[in-house]
Amino acid sequence: MHDKKLFGTATVGTKGQVVIPADAREAFDIKSGDRLYVVGSGKMGWIGFLKEDQLRAMVEHLTDNIEQYRSVIDNIDK
């Protein structure tokens, strides 16, 4: 099954602040003081948040496997 869920809406305040719905904070274990990175694509029209530990895990995964990625890219044109 898929794990996608619509958690509701969030309104941007006058200072640009967004309140993340409680259900989403609970589902993603977001606590007060957690650092979130704002990511998105202007071209594709989406925006999202990554917790700092998620971003670190992604970077570690990419850097741990960089040689494999290079090998795949190098062999694309061959």
PDB file of N, CA and C in Angstrom:
ATOM      1  N   MET A   1       0.820  -1.189   0.000  1.00  0.00           N
ATOM      2  CA  MET A   1       0.000   0.000   0.000  1.00  0.00           C
ATOM      3  C   MET A   1       0.864   1.252   0.000  1.00  0.00           C
ATOM      4  N   HIS A   2       0.259   2.362  -0.307  1.00  0.00           N
ATOM      5  CA  HIS A   2       0.984   3.627  -0.277  1.00  0.00           C
ATOM      6  C   HIS A   2       0.884   4.240   1.117  1.00  0.00           C
ATOM      7  N   ASP A   3       1.806   5.141   1.400  1.00  0.00           N
ATOM      8  CA  ASP A   3       1.812   5.783   2.710  1.00  0.00           C
ATOM      9  C   ASP A   3       1.566   7.282   2.607  1.00  0.00           C
ATOM     10  N   LYS A   4       0.943   7.711   1.515  1.00  0.00           N
ATOM     11  CA  LYS A   4       0.669   9.122   1.318  1.00  0.00           C
ATOM     12  C   LYS A   4      -0.602   9.507   2.062  1.00  0.00           C
ATOM     13  N   LYS A   5      -0.577  10.720   2.628  1.00  0.00           N
ATOM     14  CA  LYS A   5      -1.722  11.170   3.392  1.00  0.00           C
ATOM     15  C   LYS A   5      -1.811  12.680   3.310  1.00  0.00           C
ATOM     16  N   LEU A   6      -3.002  13.190   3.181  1.00  0.00           N
ATOM     17  CA  LEU A   6      -3.243  14.619   3.236  1.00  0.00           C
ATOM     18  C   LEU A   6      -3.532  14.963   4.690  1.00  0.00           C
ATOM     19  N   PHE A   7      -2.681  15.793   5.287  1.00  0.00           N
ATOM     20  CA  PHE A   7      -2.805  16.119   6.694  1.00  0.00           C
ATOM     21  C   PHE A   7      -3.659  17.352   6.960  1.00  0.00           C
ATOM     22  N   GLY A   8      -4.149  17.993   5.939  1.00  0.00           N
ATOM     23  CA  GLY A   8      -4.946  19.186   6.130  1.00  0.00           C
ATOM     24  C   GLY A   8      -4.263  20.377   5.489  1.00  0.00           C
ATOM     25  N   THR A   9      -4.580  21.546   5.988  1.00  0.00           N
ATOM     26  CA  THR A   9      -4.021  22.764   5.411  1.00  0.00           C
ATOM     27  C   THR A   9      -3.196  23.511   6.454  1.00  0.00           C
ATOM     28  N   ALA A  10      -2.365  24.395   5.960  1.00  0.00           N
ATOM     29  CA  ALA A  10      -1.590  25.282   6.819  1.00  0.00           C
ATOM     30  C   ALA A  10      -1.677  26.671   6.207  1.00  0.00           C
ATOM     31  N   THR A  11      -1.863  27.658   7.041  1.00  0.00           N
ATOM     32  CA  THR A  11      -1.967  29.033   6.575  1.00  0.00           C
ATOM     33  C   THR A  11      -0.664  29.762   6.873  1.00  0.00           C
ATOM     34  N   VAL A  12      -0.190  30.501   5.903  1.00  0.00           N
ATOM     35  CA  VAL A  12       1.018  31.292   6.095  1.00  0.00           C
ATOM     36  C   VAL A  12       0.613  32.601   6.765  1.00  0.00           C
ATOM     37  N   GLY A  13       1.256  32.901   7.900  1.00  0.00           N
ATOM     38  CA  GLY A  13       0.962  34.125   8.636  1.00  0.00           C
ATOM     39  C   GLY A  13       1.681  35.326   8.043  1.00  0.00           C
ATOM     40  N   THR A  14       1.458  36.480   8.621  1.00  0.00           N
ATOM     41  CA  THR A  14       2.042  37.728   8.113  1.00  0.00           C
ATOM     42  C   THR A  14       3.561  37.739   8.194  1.00  0.00           C
ATOM     43  N   LYS A  15       4.138  36.937   9.083  1.00  0.00           N
ATOM     44  CA  LYS A  15       5.596  36.856   9.210  1.00  0.00           C
ATOM     45  C   LYS A  15       6.169  35.690   8.395  1.00  0.00           C
ATOM     46  N   GLY A  16       5.335  35.054   7.587  1.00  0.00           N
ATOM     47  CA  GLY A  16       5.788  33.936   6.769  1.00  0.00           C
ATOM     48  C   GLY A  16       5.835  32.621   7.519  1.00  0.00           C
ATOM     49  N   GLN A  17       5.316  32.581   8.715  1.00  0.00           N
ATOM     50  CA  GLN A  17       5.347  31.364   9.513  1.00  0.00           C
ATOM     51  C   GLN A  17       4.199  30.434   9.127  1.00  0.00           C
ATOM     52  N   VAL A  18       4.478  29.145   9.200  1.00  0.00           N
ATOM     53  CA  VAL A  18       3.490  28.124   8.864  1.00  0.00           C
ATOM     54  C   VAL A  18       3.333  27.207  10.071  1.00  0.00           C
ATOM     55  N   VAL A  19       2.102  26.923  10.440  1.00  0.00           N
ATOM     56  CA  VAL A  19       1.829  25.969  11.507  1.00  0.00           C
ATOM     57  C   VAL A  19       1.569  24.613  10.858  1.00  0.00           C
ATOM     58  N   ILE A  20       2.376  23.631  11.212  1.00  0.00           N
ATOM     59  CA  ILE A  20       2.217  22.279  10.676  1.00  0.00           C
ATOM     60  C   ILE A  20       1.112  21.588  11.479  1.00  0.00           C
ATOM     61  N   PRO A  21       0.120  21.003  10.808  1.00  0.00           N
ATOM     62  CA  PRO A  21      -0.975  20.356  11.531  1.00  0.00           C
ATOM     63  C   PRO A  21      -0.468  19.315  12.536  1.00  0.00           C
ATOM     64  N   ALA A  22      -1.156  19.227  13.662  1.00  0.00           N
ATOM     65  CA  ALA A  22      -0.751  18.326  14.746  1.00  0.00           C
ATOM     66  C   ALA A  22      -0.608  16.884  14.271  1.00  0.00           C
ATOM     67  N   ASP A  23      -1.520  16.410  13.418  1.00  0.00           N
ATOM     68  CA  ASP A  23      -1.435  15.027  12.917  1.00  0.00           C
ATOM     69  C   ASP A  23      -0.127  14.797  12.161  1.00  0.00           C
ATOM     70  N   ALA A  24       0.303  15.783  11.384  1.00  0.00           N
ATOM     71  CA  ALA A  24       1.553  15.658  10.630  1.00  0.00           C
ATOM     72  C   ALA A  24       2.747  15.688  11.581  1.00  0.00           C
ATOM     73  N   ARG A  25       2.701  16.582  12.578  1.00  0.00           N
ATOM     74  CA  ARG A  25       3.800  16.640  13.552  1.00  0.00           C
ATOM     75  C   ARG A  25       3.926  15.316  14.286  1.00  0.00           C
ATOM     76  N   GLU A  26       2.809  14.723  14.622  1.00  0.00           N
ATOM     77  CA  GLU A  26       2.827  13.440  15.323  1.00  0.00           C
ATOM     78  C   GLU A  26       3.340  12.325  14.409  1.00  0.00           C
ATOM     79  N   ALA A  27       2.845  12.281  13.178  1.00  0.00           N
ATOM     80  CA  ALA A  27       3.231  11.224  12.238  1.00  0.00           C
ATOM     81  C   ALA A  27       4.726  11.254  11.924  1.00  0.00           C
ATOM     82  N   PHE A  28       5.303  12.467  11.900  1.00  0.00           N
ATOM     83  CA  PHE A  28       6.715  12.605  11.536  1.00  0.00           C
ATOM     84  C   PHE A  28       7.597  12.924  12.731  1.00  0.00           C
ATOM     85  N   ASP A  29       7.028  12.805  13.924  1.00  0.00           N
ATOM     86  CA  ASP A  29       7.763  13.030  15.171  1.00  0.00           C
ATOM     87  C   ASP A  29       8.485  14.377  15.164  1.00  0.00           C
ATOM     88  N   ILE A  30       7.760  15.412  14.774  1.00  0.00           N
ATOM     89  CA  ILE A  30       8.308  16.763  14.763  1.00  0.00           C
ATOM     90  C   ILE A  30       8.008  17.401  16.115  1.00  0.00           C
ATOM     91  N   LYS A  31       9.066  17.815  16.782  1.00  0.00           N
ATOM     92  CA  LYS A  31       8.950  18.413  18.108  1.00  0.00           C
ATOM     93  C   LYS A  31       9.359  19.873  18.067  1.00  0.00           C
ATOM     94  N   SER A  32       8.949  20.618  19.066  1.00  0.00           N
ATOM     95  CA  SER A  32       9.348  22.011  19.206  1.00  0.00           C
ATOM     96  C   SER A  32      10.877  22.088  19.245  1.00  0.00           C
ATOM     97  N   GLY A  33      11.439  22.979  18.457  1.00  0.00           N
ATOM     98  CA  GLY A  33      12.898  23.133  18.399  1.00  0.00           C
ATOM     99  C   GLY A  33      13.564  22.312  17.311  1.00  0.00           C
ATOM    100  N   ASP A  34      12.839  21.370  16.694  1.00  0.00           N
ATOM    101  CA  ASP A  34      13.425  20.604  15.582  1.00  0.00           C
ATOM    102  C   ASP A  34      13.765  21.550  14.441  1.00  0.00           C
ATOM    103  N   ARG A  35      14.868  21.275  13.771  1.00  0.00           N
ATOM    104  CA  ARG A  35      15.267  22.069  12.614  1.00  0.00           C
ATOM    105  C   ARG A  35      14.717  21.394  11.364  1.00  0.00           C
ATOM    106  N   LEU A  36      13.946  22.163  10.584  1.00  0.00           N
ATOM    107  CA  LEU A  36      13.388  21.663   9.332  1.00  0.00           C
ATOM    108  C   LEU A  36      14.008  22.428   8.177  1.00  0.00           C
ATOM    109  N   TYR A  37      14.354  21.723   7.131  1.00  0.00           N
ATOM    110  CA  TYR A  37      14.875  22.338   5.916  1.00  0.00           C
ATOM    111  C   TYR A  37      13.734  22.445   4.918  1.00  0.00           C
ATOM    112  N   VAL A  38      13.597  23.613   4.331  1.00  0.00           N
ATOM    113  CA  VAL A  38      12.544  23.857   3.359  1.00  0.00           C
ATOM    114  C   VAL A  38      13.099  23.526   1.978  1.00  0.00           C
ATOM    115  N   VAL A  39      12.438  22.623   1.270  1.00  0.00           N
ATOM    116  CA  VAL A  39      12.868  22.197  -0.056  1.00  0.00           C
ATOM    117  C   VAL A  39      11.704  22.365  -1.017  1.00  0.00           C
ATOM    118  N   GLY A  40      12.007  22.439  -2.285  1.00  0.00           N
ATOM    119  CA  GLY A  40      10.924  22.548  -3.245  1.00  0.00           C
ATOM    120  C   GLY A  40      11.429  22.771  -4.648  1.00  0.00           C
ATOM    121  N   SER A  41      10.493  22.919  -5.538  1.00  0.00           N
ATOM    122  CA  SER A  41      10.781  23.151  -6.942  1.00  0.00           C
ATOM    123  C   SER A  41       9.831  24.218  -7.453  1.00  0.00           C
ATOM    124  N   GLY A  42      10.384  25.377  -7.788  1.00  0.00           N
ATOM    125  CA  GLY A  42       9.558  26.426  -8.371  1.00  0.00           C
ATOM    126  C   GLY A  42       8.982  26.001  -9.706  1.00  0.00           C
ATOM    127  N   LYS A  43       9.787  25.278 -10.474  1.00  0.00           N
ATOM    128  CA  LYS A  43       9.356  24.821 -11.794  1.00  0.00           C
ATOM    129  C   LYS A  43       8.186  23.835 -11.680  1.00  0.00           C
ATOM    130  N   MET A  44       8.276  22.942 -10.719  1.00  0.00           N
ATOM    131  CA  MET A  44       7.230  21.927 -10.547  1.00  0.00           C
ATOM    132  C   MET A  44       6.116  22.407  -9.616  1.00  0.00           C
ATOM    133  N   GLY A  45       6.356  23.494  -8.885  1.00  0.00           N
ATOM    134  CA  GLY A  45       5.328  24.074  -8.036  1.00  0.00           C
ATOM    135  C   GLY A  45       5.063  23.335  -6.733  1.00  0.00           C
ATOM    136  N   TRP A  46       6.111  22.784  -6.102  1.00  0.00           N
ATOM    137  CA  TRP A  46       5.892  22.109  -4.822  1.00  0.00           C
ATOM    138  C   TRP A  46       6.884  22.609  -3.784  1.00  0.00           C
ATOM    139  N   ILE A  47       6.514  22.437  -2.533  1.00  0.00           N
ATOM    140  CA  ILE A  47       7.358  22.809  -1.403  1.00  0.00           C
ATOM    141  C   ILE A  47       7.164  21.765  -0.314  1.00  0.00           C
ATOM    142  N   GLY A  48       8.203  21.519   0.453  1.00  0.00           N
ATOM    143  CA  GLY A  48       8.106  20.537   1.528  1.00  0.00           C
ATOM    144  C   GLY A  48       9.159  20.792   2.583  1.00  0.00           C
ATOM    145  N   PHE A  49       9.142  19.978   3.606  1.00  0.00           N
ATOM    146  CA  PHE A  49      10.075  20.096   4.711  1.00  0.00           C
ATOM    147  C   PHE A  49      10.812  18.783   4.913  1.00  0.00           C
ATOM    148  N   LEU A  50      12.064  18.866   5.296  1.00  0.00           N
ATOM    149  CA  LEU A  50      12.851  17.695   5.691  1.00  0.00           C
ATOM    150  C   LEU A  50      13.399  17.954   7.087  1.00  0.00           C
ATOM    151  N   LYS A  51      13.262  16.969   7.952  1.00  0.00           N
ATOM    152  CA  LYS A  51      13.901  17.094   9.259  1.00  0.00           C
ATOM    153  C   LYS A  51      15.408  16.981   9.057  1.00  0.00           C
ATOM    154  N   GLU A  52      16.147  17.606   9.946  1.00  0.00           N
ATOM    155  CA  GLU A  52      17.602  17.620   9.806  1.00  0.00           C
ATOM    156  C   GLU A  52      18.183  16.210   9.741  1.00  0.00           C
ATOM    157  N   ASP A  53      17.674  15.292  10.566  1.00  0.00           N
ATOM    158  CA  ASP A  53      18.205  13.925  10.545  1.00  0.00           C
ATOM    159  C   ASP A  53      17.884  13.215   9.231  1.00  0.00           C
ATOM    160  N   GLN A  54      16.746  13.552   8.609  1.00  0.00           N
ATOM    161  CA  GLN A  54      16.414  12.970   7.303  1.00  0.00           C
ATOM    162  C   GLN A  54      17.381  13.465   6.234  1.00  0.00           C
ATOM    163  N   LEU A  55      17.689  14.757   6.267  1.00  0.00           N
ATOM    164  CA  LEU A  55      18.626  15.323   5.300  1.00  0.00           C
ATOM    165  C   LEU A  55      20.007  14.714   5.477  1.00  0.00           C
ATOM    166  N   ARG A  56      20.438  14.591   6.720  1.00  0.00           N
ATOM    167  CA  ARG A  56      21.750  13.967   6.982  1.00  0.00           C
ATOM    168  C   ARG A  56      21.793  12.536   6.438  1.00  0.00           C
ATOM    169  N   ALA A  57      20.716  11.783   6.659  1.00  0.00           N
ATOM    170  CA  ALA A  57      20.662  10.396   6.179  1.00  0.00           C
ATOM    171  C   ALA A  57      20.719  10.348   4.654  1.00  0.00           C
ATOM    172  N   MET A  58      20.026  11.279   3.986  1.00  0.00           N
ATOM    173  CA  MET A  58      20.056  11.318   2.521  1.00  0.00           C
ATOM    174  C   MET A  58      21.457  11.631   2.009  1.00  0.00           C
ATOM    175  N   VAL A  59      22.101  12.614   2.617  1.00  0.00           N
ATOM    176  CA  VAL A  59      23.459  12.987   2.199  1.00  0.00           C
ATOM    177  C   VAL A  59      24.419  11.837   2.437  1.00  0.00           C
ATOM    178  N   GLU A  60      24.310  11.182   3.590  1.00  0.00           N
ATOM    179  CA  GLU A  60      25.171  10.029   3.874  1.00  0.00           C
ATOM    180  C   GLU A  60      24.955   8.921   2.854  1.00  0.00           C
ATOM    181  N   HIS A  61      23.703   8.650   2.513  1.00  0.00           N
ATOM    182  CA  HIS A  61      23.396   7.607   1.528  1.00  0.00           C
ATOM    183  C   HIS A  61      24.021   7.948   0.175  1.00  0.00           C
ATOM    184  N   LEU A  62      23.854   9.198  -0.244  1.00  0.00           N
ATOM    185  CA  LEU A  62      24.416   9.620  -1.534  1.00  0.00           C
ATOM    186  C   LEU A  62      25.934   9.549  -1.536  1.00  0.00           C
ATOM    187  N   THR A  63      26.564  10.028  -0.475  1.00  0.00           N
ATOM    188  CA  THR A  63      28.025  10.045  -0.447  1.00  0.00           C
ATOM    189  C   THR A  63      28.595   8.646  -0.253  1.00  0.00           C
ATOM    190  N   ASP A  64      27.893   7.792   0.475  1.00  0.00           N
ATOM    191  CA  ASP A  64      28.352   6.409   0.645  1.00  0.00           C
ATOM    192  C   ASP A  64      28.336   5.652  -0.670  1.00  0.00           C
ATOM    193  N   ASN A  65      27.433   6.031  -1.572  1.00  0.00           N
ATOM    194  CA  ASN A  65      27.265   5.311  -2.827  1.00  0.00           C
ATOM    195  C   ASN A  65      27.730   6.108  -4.037  1.00  0.00           C
ATOM    196  N   ILE A  66      28.519   7.140  -3.834  1.00  0.00           N
ATOM    197  CA  ILE A  66      28.901   8.038  -4.927  1.00  0.00           C
ATOM    198  C   ILE A  66      29.644   7.304  -6.046  1.00  0.00           C
ATOM    199  N   GLU A  67      30.479   6.387  -5.706  1.00  0.00           N
ATOM    200  CA  GLU A  67      31.219   5.652  -6.740  1.00  0.00           C
ATOM    201  C   GLU A  67      30.287   4.809  -7.599  1.00  0.00           C
ATOM    202  N   GLN A  68      29.259   4.233  -6.994  1.00  0.00           N
ATOM    203  CA  GLN A  68      28.283   3.470  -7.766  1.00  0.00           C
ATOM    204  C   GLN A  68      27.541   4.395  -8.736  1.00  0.00           C
ATOM    205  N   TYR A  69      27.163   5.585  -8.259  1.00  0.00           N
ATOM    206  CA  TYR A  69      26.464   6.532  -9.116  1.00  0.00           C
ATOM    207  C   TYR A  69      27.365   6.974 -10.272  1.00  0.00           C
ATOM    208  N   ARG A  70      28.626   7.233  -9.970  1.00  0.00           N
ATOM    209  CA  ARG A  70      29.567   7.641 -11.021  1.00  0.00           C
ATOM    210  C   ARG A  70      29.704   6.555 -12.069  1.00  0.00           C
ATOM    211  N   SER A  71      29.772   5.317 -11.624  1.00  0.00           N
ATOM    212  CA  SER A  71      29.906   4.187 -12.544  1.00  0.00           C
ATOM    213  C   SER A  71      28.694   4.097 -13.457  1.00  0.00           C
ATOM    214  N   VAL A  72      27.516   4.268 -12.919  1.00  0.00           N
ATOM    215  CA  VAL A  72      26.291   4.209 -13.718  1.00  0.00           C
ATOM    216  C   VAL A  72      26.291   5.341 -14.733  1.00  0.00           C
ATOM    217  N   ILE A  73      26.614   6.547 -14.289  1.00  0.00           N
ATOM    218  CA  ILE A  73      26.620   7.713 -15.185  1.00  0.00           C
ATOM    219  C   ILE A  73      27.675   7.537 -16.272  1.00  0.00           C
ATOM    220  N   ASP A  74      28.856   7.059 -15.909  1.00  0.00           N
ATOM    221  CA  ASP A  74      29.931   6.869 -16.885  1.00  0.00           C
ATOM    222  C   ASP A  74      29.556   5.843 -17.950  1.00  0.00           C
ATOM    223  N   ASN A  75      28.714   4.890 -17.601  1.00  0.00           N
ATOM    224  CA  ASN A  75      28.358   3.818 -18.532  1.00  0.00           C
ATOM    225  C   ASN A  75      27.079   4.103 -19.320  1.00  0.00           C
ATOM    226  N   ILE A  76      26.436   5.231 -19.099  1.00  0.00           N
ATOM    227  CA  ILE A  76      25.194   5.547 -19.810  1.00  0.00           C
ATOM    228  C   ILE A  76      25.440   5.690 -21.305  1.00  0.00           C
ATOM    229  N   ASP A  77      26.488   6.396 -21.678  1.00  0.00           N
ATOM    230  CA  ASP A  77      26.749   6.649 -23.100  1.00  0.00           C
ATOM    231  C   ASP A  77      27.492   5.505 -23.794  1.00  0.00           C
ATOM    232  N   LYS A  78      27.856   4.488 -23.072  1.00  0.00           N
ATOM    233  CA  LYS A  78      28.640   3.394 -23.675  1.00  0.00           C
ATOM    234  C   LYS A  78      27.760   2.322 -24.248  1.00  0.00           C
TER     235      LYS A  78
END
